[in-house]
Amino acid sequence: MSKSNPSELKATAPAPGLFSGLKALNLQVFVMIAAIVVIMMFFTWTTDGSYLSARNVSNLLRQTAITGILAVGMVFVIISAEIDLSVGSMMGLLGGLAAIFDVWLGWPLPLTIVVTLILGLLLGTWNGWWVAYRKVPSFIVTLAGMLAFRGILIGVTNGTTVSPTSASMSQIGQSYLSSGGRF
């Protein structure tokens, strides 16, 4: 093996070109963005442009908001190499309890929101305690939590529907952006 002169080892940078930035772009990201653009163009064309209207975009954002918020929380669970199967059932239980607080107990909206958030924190902490300190696999803990949360809601409501009746509670998640784009 011979020693090389450091000046001979200099790498030449590629000449900046139109597509030099695309090489650094992850192919999966590019394909996903392209697929979204194609889907949006297709639905815009098939609906004569009403797909990209302010009302429809607002409706799409409204429908995906809850899933997006839950997904942000799930990122932390997945990053820690765990899994949480009880998220949907916990959301159902807490939503049902919020409706019960509104309809059956007549609580004001701020109190309902605070109590519901505290209950969600406590239930999540309970699941986390079993995983972190008792070393029970997260799959088992959250599977049990999923069944328990669903069962608690069915037991409390006797399997009946409890729909919020107050205007303030019904307003949560039911608002639209105006046609002018203002909130």
N, C-alpha and C. Protein backbone atom coordinates (compact mmCIF):
# COMPACT_ATOMS: atom_id res chain seq x y z
N MET A 1 0.84 -1.17 0.00
CA MET A 1 0.00 0.00 0.00
C MET A 1 0.88 1.23 0.00
N SER A 2 0.57 2.15 -0.81
CA SER A 2 1.35 3.38 -0.85
C SER A 2 0.53 4.52 -0.29
N LYS A 3 1.26 5.45 0.27
CA LYS A 3 0.59 6.64 0.79
C LYS A 3 0.26 7.56 -0.36
N SER A 4 -0.90 8.16 -0.28
CA SER A 4 -1.32 9.09 -1.32
C SER A 4 -1.13 10.51 -0.84
N ASN A 5 -0.93 11.35 -1.76
CA ASN A 5 -0.83 12.77 -1.46
C ASN A 5 -2.24 13.28 -1.18
N PRO A 6 -2.46 14.01 -0.05
CA PRO A 6 -3.81 14.48 0.27
C PRO A 6 -4.41 15.34 -0.83
N SER A 7 -3.59 16.03 -1.58
CA SER A 7 -4.14 16.87 -2.63
C SER A 7 -4.72 16.03 -3.76
N GLU A 8 -4.26 14.78 -3.90
CA GLU A 8 -4.77 13.90 -4.94
C GLU A 8 -6.12 13.30 -4.57
N LEU A 9 -6.46 13.30 -3.27
CA LEU A 9 -7.69 12.67 -2.81
C LEU A 9 -8.89 13.60 -2.80
N LYS A 10 -8.71 14.83 -3.20
CA LYS A 10 -9.82 15.78 -3.19
C LYS A 10 -10.91 15.31 -4.14
N ALA A 11 -12.11 15.27 -3.61
CA ALA A 11 -13.26 14.88 -4.43
C ALA A 11 -13.81 16.12 -5.10
N THR A 12 -14.16 15.96 -6.32
CA THR A 12 -14.75 17.10 -7.02
C THR A 12 -16.25 17.07 -6.82
N ALA A 13 -16.80 18.21 -6.48
CA ALA A 13 -18.24 18.33 -6.28
C ALA A 13 -18.94 18.31 -7.62
N PRO A 14 -20.08 17.66 -7.68
CA PRO A 14 -20.80 17.64 -8.95
C PRO A 14 -21.25 19.05 -9.32
N ALA A 15 -21.29 19.28 -10.59
CA ALA A 15 -21.70 20.59 -11.07
C ALA A 15 -23.17 20.80 -10.72
N PRO A 16 -23.50 21.98 -10.18
CA PRO A 16 -24.90 22.23 -9.84
C PRO A 16 -25.75 22.22 -11.10
N GLY A 17 -26.79 21.46 -11.06
CA GLY A 17 -27.67 21.36 -12.21
C GLY A 17 -29.11 21.45 -11.78
N LEU A 18 -29.99 21.32 -12.72
CA LEU A 18 -31.42 21.42 -12.45
C LEU A 18 -31.90 20.31 -11.53
N PHE A 19 -31.37 19.10 -11.68
CA PHE A 19 -31.85 17.95 -10.91
C PHE A 19 -30.90 17.53 -9.79
N SER A 20 -29.91 18.34 -9.46
CA SER A 20 -28.96 17.94 -8.42
C SER A 20 -29.63 17.86 -7.05
N GLY A 21 -30.66 18.66 -6.80
CA GLY A 21 -31.37 18.61 -5.52
C GLY A 21 -32.24 17.38 -5.40
N LEU A 22 -32.69 16.82 -6.52
CA LEU A 22 -33.55 15.63 -6.48
C LEU A 22 -32.78 14.39 -6.04
N LYS A 23 -31.47 14.39 -6.25
CA LYS A 23 -30.68 13.23 -5.84
C LYS A 23 -30.70 13.07 -4.33
N ALA A 24 -30.73 14.20 -3.63
CA ALA A 24 -30.74 14.15 -2.17
C ALA A 24 -32.14 13.83 -1.63
N LEU A 25 -33.16 14.05 -2.44
CA LEU A 25 -34.53 13.80 -2.00
C LEU A 25 -34.81 12.30 -1.94
N ASN A 26 -35.38 11.89 -0.86
CA ASN A 26 -35.72 10.48 -0.68
C ASN A 26 -36.78 10.09 -1.72
N LEU A 27 -36.57 8.99 -2.38
CA LEU A 27 -37.47 8.55 -3.44
C LEU A 27 -38.87 8.28 -2.91
N GLN A 28 -38.97 7.71 -1.70
CA GLN A 28 -40.29 7.43 -1.12
C GLN A 28 -41.07 8.72 -0.90
N VAL A 29 -40.41 9.74 -0.39
CA VAL A 29 -41.07 11.01 -0.14
C VAL A 29 -41.55 11.60 -1.46
N PHE A 30 -40.71 11.54 -2.47
CA PHE A 30 -41.07 12.08 -3.77
C PHE A 30 -42.28 11.35 -4.35
N VAL A 31 -42.29 10.03 -4.26
CA VAL A 31 -43.40 9.24 -4.80
C VAL A 31 -44.69 9.54 -4.04
N MET A 32 -44.61 9.66 -2.71
CA MET A 32 -45.82 9.95 -1.92
C MET A 32 -46.38 11.33 -2.26
N ILE A 33 -45.51 12.33 -2.38
CA ILE A 33 -45.98 13.67 -2.73
C ILE A 33 -46.58 13.65 -4.13
N ALA A 34 -45.94 12.96 -5.05
CA ALA A 34 -46.48 12.87 -6.41
C ALA A 34 -47.84 12.17 -6.41
N ALA A 35 -48.00 11.13 -5.61
CA ALA A 35 -49.28 10.42 -5.53
C ALA A 35 -50.37 11.33 -4.97
N ILE A 36 -50.04 12.11 -3.96
CA ILE A 36 -51.02 13.04 -3.39
C ILE A 36 -51.43 14.08 -4.42
N VAL A 37 -50.46 14.61 -5.15
CA VAL A 37 -50.77 15.60 -6.19
C VAL A 37 -51.65 14.99 -7.27
N VAL A 38 -51.35 13.78 -7.70
CA VAL A 38 -52.16 13.11 -8.73
C VAL A 38 -53.59 12.88 -8.23
N ILE A 39 -53.72 12.42 -6.99
CA ILE A 39 -55.05 12.19 -6.41
C ILE A 39 -55.83 13.50 -6.33
N MET A 40 -55.16 14.57 -5.88
CA MET A 40 -55.85 15.86 -5.79
C MET A 40 -56.27 16.36 -7.17
N MET A 41 -55.40 16.19 -8.16
CA MET A 41 -55.76 16.62 -9.52
C MET A 41 -56.93 15.79 -10.05
N PHE A 42 -56.93 14.49 -9.79
CA PHE A 42 -58.02 13.63 -10.25
C PHE A 42 -59.35 14.07 -9.66
N PHE A 43 -59.40 14.26 -8.34
CA PHE A 43 -60.66 14.64 -7.71
C PHE A 43 -61.07 16.07 -8.06
N THR A 44 -60.11 16.94 -8.27
CA THR A 44 -60.45 18.29 -8.73
C THR A 44 -61.07 18.23 -10.12
N TRP A 45 -60.53 17.39 -10.99
CA TRP A 45 -61.06 17.26 -12.34
C TRP A 45 -62.44 16.60 -12.33
N THR A 46 -62.63 15.54 -11.53
CA THR A 46 -63.91 14.83 -11.54
C THR A 46 -65.03 15.60 -10.84
N THR A 47 -64.69 16.56 -9.99
CA THR A 47 -65.72 17.34 -9.30
C THR A 47 -65.84 18.75 -9.85
N ASP A 48 -65.30 18.98 -11.02
CA ASP A 48 -65.33 20.30 -11.67
C ASP A 48 -64.80 21.40 -10.76
N GLY A 49 -63.73 21.11 -10.05
CA GLY A 49 -63.05 22.12 -9.24
C GLY A 49 -63.56 22.29 -7.82
N SER A 50 -64.65 21.64 -7.46
CA SER A 50 -65.18 21.84 -6.11
C SER A 50 -64.39 21.07 -5.05
N TYR A 51 -63.52 20.17 -5.46
CA TYR A 51 -62.71 19.43 -4.49
C TYR A 51 -61.80 20.36 -3.71
N LEU A 52 -61.24 21.35 -4.35
CA LEU A 52 -60.34 22.29 -3.68
C LEU A 52 -61.05 23.53 -3.17
N SER A 53 -62.36 23.48 -3.02
CA SER A 53 -63.09 24.62 -2.46
C SER A 53 -62.78 24.75 -0.98
N ALA A 54 -62.97 25.95 -0.45
CA ALA A 54 -62.67 26.20 0.96
C ALA A 54 -63.52 25.30 1.87
N ARG A 55 -64.76 25.09 1.50
CA ARG A 55 -65.64 24.26 2.34
C ARG A 55 -65.17 22.80 2.36
N ASN A 56 -64.78 22.27 1.21
CA ASN A 56 -64.35 20.88 1.17
C ASN A 56 -63.00 20.69 1.87
N VAL A 57 -62.07 21.61 1.66
CA VAL A 57 -60.78 21.51 2.35
C VAL A 57 -61.00 21.60 3.86
N SER A 58 -61.89 22.49 4.29
CA SER A 58 -62.21 22.60 5.71
C SER A 58 -62.81 21.29 6.23
N ASN A 59 -63.69 20.69 5.45
CA ASN A 59 -64.30 19.43 5.84
C ASN A 59 -63.25 18.31 5.94
N LEU A 60 -62.33 18.25 4.99
CA LEU A 60 -61.27 17.24 5.03
C LEU A 60 -60.39 17.43 6.26
N LEU A 61 -60.04 18.67 6.56
CA LEU A 61 -59.22 18.94 7.74
C LEU A 61 -59.96 18.58 9.02
N ARG A 62 -61.25 18.88 9.05
CA ARG A 62 -62.07 18.57 10.22
C ARG A 62 -62.15 17.07 10.45
N GLN A 63 -62.32 16.32 9.38
CA GLN A 63 -62.46 14.87 9.50
C GLN A 63 -61.16 14.18 9.88
N THR A 64 -60.04 14.77 9.53
CA THR A 64 -58.76 14.13 9.83
C THR A 64 -58.08 14.70 11.06
N ALA A 65 -58.67 15.71 11.69
CA ALA A 65 -58.02 16.36 12.83
C ALA A 65 -57.83 15.41 14.00
N ILE A 66 -58.85 14.67 14.36
CA ILE A 66 -58.74 13.77 15.52
C ILE A 66 -57.71 12.68 15.25
N THR A 67 -57.74 12.12 14.06
CA THR A 67 -56.76 11.09 13.71
C THR A 67 -55.35 11.66 13.72
N GLY A 68 -55.20 12.89 13.24
CA GLY A 68 -53.89 13.53 13.25
C GLY A 68 -53.37 13.78 14.65
N ILE A 69 -54.24 14.23 15.53
CA ILE A 69 -53.84 14.48 16.92
C ILE A 69 -53.43 13.16 17.59
N LEU A 70 -54.20 12.11 17.37
CA LEU A 70 -53.84 10.80 17.93
C LEU A 70 -52.53 10.29 17.33
N ALA A 71 -52.32 10.55 16.05
CA ALA A 71 -51.09 10.08 15.40
C ALA A 71 -49.86 10.77 15.98
N VAL A 72 -49.98 12.04 16.32
CA VAL A 72 -48.85 12.75 16.93
C VAL A 72 -48.48 12.09 18.25
N GLY A 73 -49.48 11.74 19.05
CA GLY A 73 -49.20 11.06 20.31
C GLY A 73 -48.62 9.67 20.10
N MET A 74 -49.09 8.98 19.07
CA MET A 74 -48.60 7.63 18.80
C MET A 74 -47.15 7.62 18.32
N VAL A 75 -46.70 8.73 17.75
CA VAL A 75 -45.31 8.81 17.30
C VAL A 75 -44.36 8.54 18.46
N PHE A 76 -44.65 9.11 19.62
CA PHE A 76 -43.78 8.92 20.78
C PHE A 76 -43.77 7.46 21.23
N VAL A 77 -44.91 6.82 21.17
CA VAL A 77 -44.99 5.40 21.55
C VAL A 77 -44.20 4.55 20.57
N ILE A 78 -44.35 4.82 19.29
CA ILE A 78 -43.67 4.03 18.27
C ILE A 78 -42.16 4.28 18.29
N ILE A 79 -41.75 5.52 18.53
CA ILE A 79 -40.32 5.83 18.62
C ILE A 79 -39.67 5.04 19.75
N SER A 80 -40.39 4.83 20.83
CA SER A 80 -39.84 4.07 21.95
C SER A 80 -39.95 2.56 21.73
N ALA A 81 -40.28 2.15 20.51
CA ALA A 81 -40.37 0.73 20.11
C ALA A 81 -41.44 -0.01 20.88
N GLU A 82 -42.53 0.66 21.17
CA GLU A 82 -43.67 0.04 21.86
C GLU A 82 -44.89 0.13 20.94
N ILE A 83 -46.01 -0.36 21.42
CA ILE A 83 -47.26 -0.29 20.67
C ILE A 83 -48.39 -0.01 21.65
N ASP A 84 -49.39 0.72 21.18
CA ASP A 84 -50.54 1.02 22.03
C ASP A 84 -51.80 0.69 21.24
N LEU A 85 -52.45 -0.39 21.63
CA LEU A 85 -53.68 -0.83 20.97
C LEU A 85 -54.93 -0.20 21.57
N SER A 86 -54.79 0.48 22.70
CA SER A 86 -55.95 0.97 23.43
C SER A 86 -56.35 2.39 23.06
N VAL A 87 -55.66 3.01 22.12
CA VAL A 87 -55.91 4.41 21.81
C VAL A 87 -57.35 4.65 21.37
N GLY A 88 -57.84 3.87 20.44
CA GLY A 88 -59.21 4.06 19.95
C GLY A 88 -60.26 3.83 21.02
N SER A 89 -60.08 2.79 21.82
CA SER A 89 -61.05 2.52 22.88
C SER A 89 -60.99 3.57 23.97
N MET A 90 -59.78 4.07 24.26
CA MET A 90 -59.66 5.14 25.26
C MET A 90 -60.33 6.41 24.75
N MET A 91 -60.14 6.71 23.46
CA MET A 91 -60.79 7.88 22.88
C MET A 91 -62.31 7.72 22.94
N GLY A 92 -62.81 6.53 22.65
CA GLY A 92 -64.25 6.29 22.74
C GLY A 92 -64.77 6.44 24.15
N LEU A 93 -64.03 5.88 25.12
CA LEU A 93 -64.44 5.99 26.52
C LEU A 93 -64.45 7.45 26.97
N LEU A 94 -63.40 8.18 26.66
CA LEU A 94 -63.33 9.58 27.10
C LEU A 94 -64.38 10.44 26.39
N GLY A 95 -64.63 10.17 25.11
CA GLY A 95 -65.69 10.89 24.42
C GLY A 95 -67.06 10.58 25.00
N GLY A 96 -67.28 9.31 25.33
CA GLY A 96 -68.54 8.93 25.97
C GLY A 96 -68.70 9.56 27.34
N LEU A 97 -67.61 9.59 28.12
CA LEU A 97 -67.68 10.23 29.43
C LEU A 97 -67.93 11.72 29.31
N ALA A 98 -67.31 12.36 28.31
CA ALA A 98 -67.56 13.79 28.10
C ALA A 98 -69.03 14.04 27.77
N ALA A 99 -69.61 13.17 26.96
CA ALA A 99 -71.04 13.30 26.64
C ALA A 99 -71.90 13.07 27.88
N ILE A 100 -71.51 12.12 28.72
CA ILE A 100 -72.25 11.88 29.97
C ILE A 100 -72.16 13.09 30.89
N PHE A 101 -70.97 13.67 30.99
CA PHE A 101 -70.81 14.86 31.83
C PHE A 101 -71.71 15.99 31.33
N ASP A 102 -71.86 16.08 30.01
CA ASP A 102 -72.68 17.14 29.42
C ASP A 102 -74.17 16.85 29.56
N VAL A 103 -74.60 15.65 29.19
CA VAL A 103 -76.03 15.34 29.12
C VAL A 103 -76.59 14.95 30.48
N TRP A 104 -76.00 13.97 31.12
CA TRP A 104 -76.56 13.45 32.36
C TRP A 104 -76.25 14.33 33.56
N LEU A 105 -75.03 14.88 33.61
CA LEU A 105 -74.63 15.65 34.78
C LEU A 105 -74.76 17.16 34.59
N GLY A 106 -74.87 17.62 33.35
CA GLY A 106 -75.06 19.04 33.08
C GLY A 106 -73.85 19.90 33.42
N TRP A 107 -72.65 19.34 33.33
CA TRP A 107 -71.45 20.11 33.66
C TRP A 107 -71.20 21.17 32.60
N PRO A 108 -70.58 22.29 32.98
CA PRO A 108 -70.18 23.28 31.98
C PRO A 108 -69.03 22.74 31.12
N LEU A 109 -68.92 23.28 29.92
CA LEU A 109 -67.94 22.77 28.96
C LEU A 109 -66.50 22.83 29.47
N PRO A 110 -66.04 23.94 30.08
CA PRO A 110 -64.65 23.95 30.54
C PRO A 110 -64.35 22.85 31.57
N LEU A 111 -65.27 22.61 32.49
CA LEU A 111 -65.08 21.56 33.48
C LEU A 111 -65.06 20.18 32.81
N THR A 112 -65.94 19.98 31.86
CA THR A 112 -65.98 18.71 31.13
C THR A 112 -64.66 18.45 30.42
N ILE A 113 -64.13 19.47 29.75
CA ILE A 113 -62.87 19.31 29.02
C ILE A 113 -61.73 19.00 29.98
N VAL A 114 -61.63 19.75 31.07
CA VAL A 114 -60.54 19.55 32.03
C VAL A 114 -60.61 18.15 32.65
N VAL A 115 -61.78 17.75 33.09
CA VAL A 115 -61.92 16.43 33.72
C VAL A 115 -61.63 15.32 32.71
N THR A 116 -62.09 15.48 31.48
CA THR A 116 -61.84 14.46 30.45
C THR A 116 -60.35 14.35 30.15
N LEU A 117 -59.66 15.47 30.05
CA LEU A 117 -58.21 15.44 29.80
C LEU A 117 -57.46 14.80 30.97
N ILE A 118 -57.87 15.12 32.19
CA ILE A 118 -57.23 14.52 33.37
C ILE A 118 -57.46 13.01 33.40
N LEU A 119 -58.68 12.58 33.08
CA LEU A 119 -58.96 11.14 33.03
C LEU A 119 -58.12 10.45 31.95
N GLY A 120 -57.97 11.09 30.81
CA GLY A 120 -57.12 10.53 29.75
C GLY A 120 -55.67 10.42 30.20
N LEU A 121 -55.19 11.43 30.90
CA LEU A 121 -53.83 11.40 31.43
C LEU A 121 -53.66 10.26 32.44
N LEU A 122 -54.65 10.10 33.31
CA LEU A 122 -54.58 9.03 34.31
C LEU A 122 -54.62 7.64 33.68
N LEU A 123 -55.50 7.46 32.70
CA LEU A 123 -55.59 6.15 32.04
C LEU A 123 -54.31 5.83 31.26
N GLY A 124 -53.76 6.83 30.58
CA GLY A 124 -52.50 6.63 29.87
C GLY A 124 -51.34 6.35 30.82
N THR A 125 -51.34 7.04 31.96
CA THR A 125 -50.31 6.80 32.97
C THR A 125 -50.43 5.40 33.54
N TRP A 126 -51.65 4.95 33.76
CA TRP A 126 -51.89 3.59 34.26
C TRP A 126 -51.31 2.56 33.29
N ASN A 127 -51.59 2.70 32.01
CA ASN A 127 -51.03 1.78 31.01
C ASN A 127 -49.50 1.86 31.01
N GLY A 128 -48.98 3.08 31.03
CA GLY A 128 -47.53 3.27 31.01
C GLY A 128 -46.85 2.70 32.24
N TRP A 129 -47.50 2.78 33.39
CA TRP A 129 -46.92 2.24 34.62
C TRP A 129 -46.73 0.73 34.51
N TRP A 130 -47.72 0.05 33.96
CA TRP A 130 -47.62 -1.40 33.80
C TRP A 130 -46.47 -1.77 32.87
N VAL A 131 -46.30 -0.98 31.82
CA VAL A 131 -45.24 -1.28 30.85
C VAL A 131 -43.86 -0.92 31.42
N ALA A 132 -43.74 0.27 32.00
CA ALA A 132 -42.44 0.76 32.43
C ALA A 132 -41.95 0.14 33.74
N TYR A 133 -42.83 0.00 34.71
CA TYR A 133 -42.39 -0.44 36.03
C TYR A 133 -42.69 -1.91 36.33
N ARG A 134 -43.74 -2.43 35.79
CA ARG A 134 -44.07 -3.83 36.04
C ARG A 134 -43.54 -4.74 34.93
N LYS A 135 -43.00 -4.13 33.86
CA LYS A 135 -42.36 -4.85 32.75
C LYS A 135 -43.29 -5.82 32.03
N VAL A 136 -44.57 -5.46 31.99
CA VAL A 136 -45.53 -6.25 31.21
C VAL A 136 -45.43 -5.74 29.76
N PRO A 137 -45.38 -6.61 28.77
CA PRO A 137 -45.28 -6.14 27.38
C PRO A 137 -46.43 -5.19 27.02
N SER A 138 -46.07 -4.15 26.27
CA SER A 138 -47.06 -3.13 25.92
C SER A 138 -48.22 -3.71 25.13
N PHE A 139 -47.96 -4.73 24.33
CA PHE A 139 -49.03 -5.36 23.56
C PHE A 139 -50.10 -5.91 24.50
N ILE A 140 -49.68 -6.59 25.56
CA ILE A 140 -50.62 -7.20 26.51
C ILE A 140 -51.36 -6.13 27.30
N VAL A 141 -50.62 -5.14 27.79
CA VAL A 141 -51.23 -4.08 28.60
C VAL A 141 -52.27 -3.31 27.80
N THR A 142 -51.91 -2.92 26.60
CA THR A 142 -52.83 -2.09 25.82
C THR A 142 -53.97 -2.91 25.23
N LEU A 143 -53.75 -4.18 24.98
CA LEU A 143 -54.86 -5.05 24.56
C LEU A 143 -55.87 -5.17 25.69
N ALA A 144 -55.38 -5.37 26.91
CA ALA A 144 -56.28 -5.42 28.06
C ALA A 144 -56.96 -4.08 28.27
N GLY A 145 -56.21 -2.99 28.10
CA GLY A 145 -56.80 -1.66 28.23
C GLY A 145 -57.88 -1.42 27.20
N MET A 146 -57.63 -1.87 25.98
CA MET A 146 -58.63 -1.71 24.92
C MET A 146 -59.94 -2.39 25.30
N LEU A 147 -59.84 -3.60 25.77
CA LEU A 147 -61.04 -4.34 26.15
C LEU A 147 -61.70 -3.73 27.38
N ALA A 148 -60.90 -3.31 28.35
CA ALA A 148 -61.45 -2.72 29.57
C ALA A 148 -62.14 -1.39 29.28
N PHE A 149 -61.50 -0.53 28.48
CA PHE A 149 -62.09 0.78 28.19
C PHE A 149 -63.41 0.63 27.45
N ARG A 150 -63.42 -0.27 26.48
CA ARG A 150 -64.65 -0.50 25.73
C ARG A 150 -65.74 -1.07 26.64
N GLY A 151 -65.36 -2.00 27.50
CA GLY A 151 -66.33 -2.59 28.43
C GLY A 151 -66.85 -1.59 29.44
N ILE A 152 -65.98 -0.71 29.94
CA ILE A 152 -66.42 0.32 30.89
C ILE A 152 -67.45 1.23 30.24
N LEU A 153 -67.18 1.65 29.02
CA LEU A 153 -68.13 2.54 28.33
C LEU A 153 -69.47 1.85 28.11
N ILE A 154 -69.45 0.61 27.68
CA ILE A 154 -70.71 -0.12 27.48
C ILE A 154 -71.43 -0.31 28.80
N GLY A 155 -70.68 -0.58 29.86
CA GLY A 155 -71.30 -0.76 31.17
C GLY A 155 -71.91 0.51 31.73
N VAL A 156 -71.21 1.63 31.55
CA VAL A 156 -71.71 2.90 32.09
C VAL A 156 -72.94 3.37 31.33
N THR A 157 -72.93 3.21 30.02
CA THR A 157 -74.05 3.71 29.20
C THR A 157 -75.13 2.67 28.96
N ASN A 158 -74.94 1.46 29.44
CA ASN A 158 -75.86 0.35 29.17
C ASN A 158 -76.04 0.12 27.67
N GLY A 159 -75.02 0.43 26.91
CA GLY A 159 -75.05 0.21 25.47
C GLY A 159 -75.89 1.21 24.70
N THR A 160 -76.34 2.28 25.34
CA THR A 160 -77.15 3.28 24.65
C THR A 160 -76.27 4.43 24.15
N THR A 161 -76.80 5.16 23.20
CA THR A 161 -76.09 6.32 22.68
C THR A 161 -76.35 7.52 23.57
N VAL A 162 -75.29 8.24 23.89
CA VAL A 162 -75.41 9.48 24.65
C VAL A 162 -74.83 10.58 23.77
N SER A 163 -75.70 11.39 23.20
CA SER A 163 -75.21 12.45 22.33
C SER A 163 -75.32 13.79 23.04
N PRO A 164 -74.27 14.61 22.93
CA PRO A 164 -74.26 15.91 23.61
C PRO A 164 -75.42 16.78 23.13
N THR A 165 -76.02 17.51 24.07
CA THR A 165 -77.16 18.36 23.72
C THR A 165 -76.84 19.84 23.81
N SER A 166 -75.84 20.23 24.56
CA SER A 166 -75.55 21.66 24.68
C SER A 166 -74.90 22.16 23.40
N ALA A 167 -75.18 23.41 23.08
CA ALA A 167 -74.65 23.99 21.84
C ALA A 167 -73.13 24.08 21.89
N SER A 168 -72.58 24.39 23.06
CA SER A 168 -71.13 24.53 23.15
C SER A 168 -70.43 23.18 22.95
N MET A 169 -70.98 22.12 23.49
CA MET A 169 -70.39 20.79 23.31
C MET A 169 -70.54 20.32 21.86
N SER A 170 -71.67 20.61 21.26
CA SER A 170 -71.89 20.20 19.87
C SER A 170 -71.00 20.97 18.91
N GLN A 171 -70.54 22.14 19.31
CA GLN A 171 -69.69 22.98 18.46
C GLN A 171 -68.29 22.39 18.31
N ILE A 172 -67.85 21.60 19.29
CA ILE A 172 -66.51 21.01 19.23
C ILE A 172 -66.45 20.05 18.05
N GLY A 173 -65.54 20.31 17.15
CA GLY A 173 -65.36 19.44 16.00
C GLY A 173 -66.39 19.61 14.92
N GLN A 174 -67.29 20.58 15.04
CA GLN A 174 -68.33 20.76 14.03
C GLN A 174 -68.22 22.09 13.30
N SER A 175 -67.18 22.85 13.56
CA SER A 175 -67.03 24.17 12.94
C SER A 175 -66.41 24.04 11.56
N TYR A 176 -66.71 24.99 10.70
CA TYR A 176 -66.16 25.06 9.36
C TYR A 176 -65.42 26.37 9.19
N LEU A 177 -64.47 26.37 8.25
CA LEU A 177 -63.88 27.63 7.83
C LEU A 177 -64.89 28.33 6.94
N SER A 178 -64.96 29.64 7.03
CA SER A 178 -65.89 30.35 6.17
C SER A 178 -65.37 30.34 4.74
N SER A 179 -66.21 30.72 3.80
CA SER A 179 -65.80 30.69 2.40
C SER A 179 -64.70 31.70 2.11
N GLY A 180 -64.54 32.70 2.96
CA GLY A 180 -63.47 33.67 2.78
C GLY A 180 -62.15 33.21 3.35
N GLY A 181 -62.11 32.06 4.01
CA GLY A 181 -60.87 31.55 4.55
C GLY A 181 -60.58 32.03 5.96
N ARG A 182 -61.45 32.88 6.52
CA ARG A 182 -61.23 33.37 7.89
C ARG A 182 -61.88 32.40 8.86
N PHE A 183 -61.37 32.38 10.09
CA PHE A 183 -61.92 31.48 11.10
C PHE A 183 -63.10 32.10 11.78
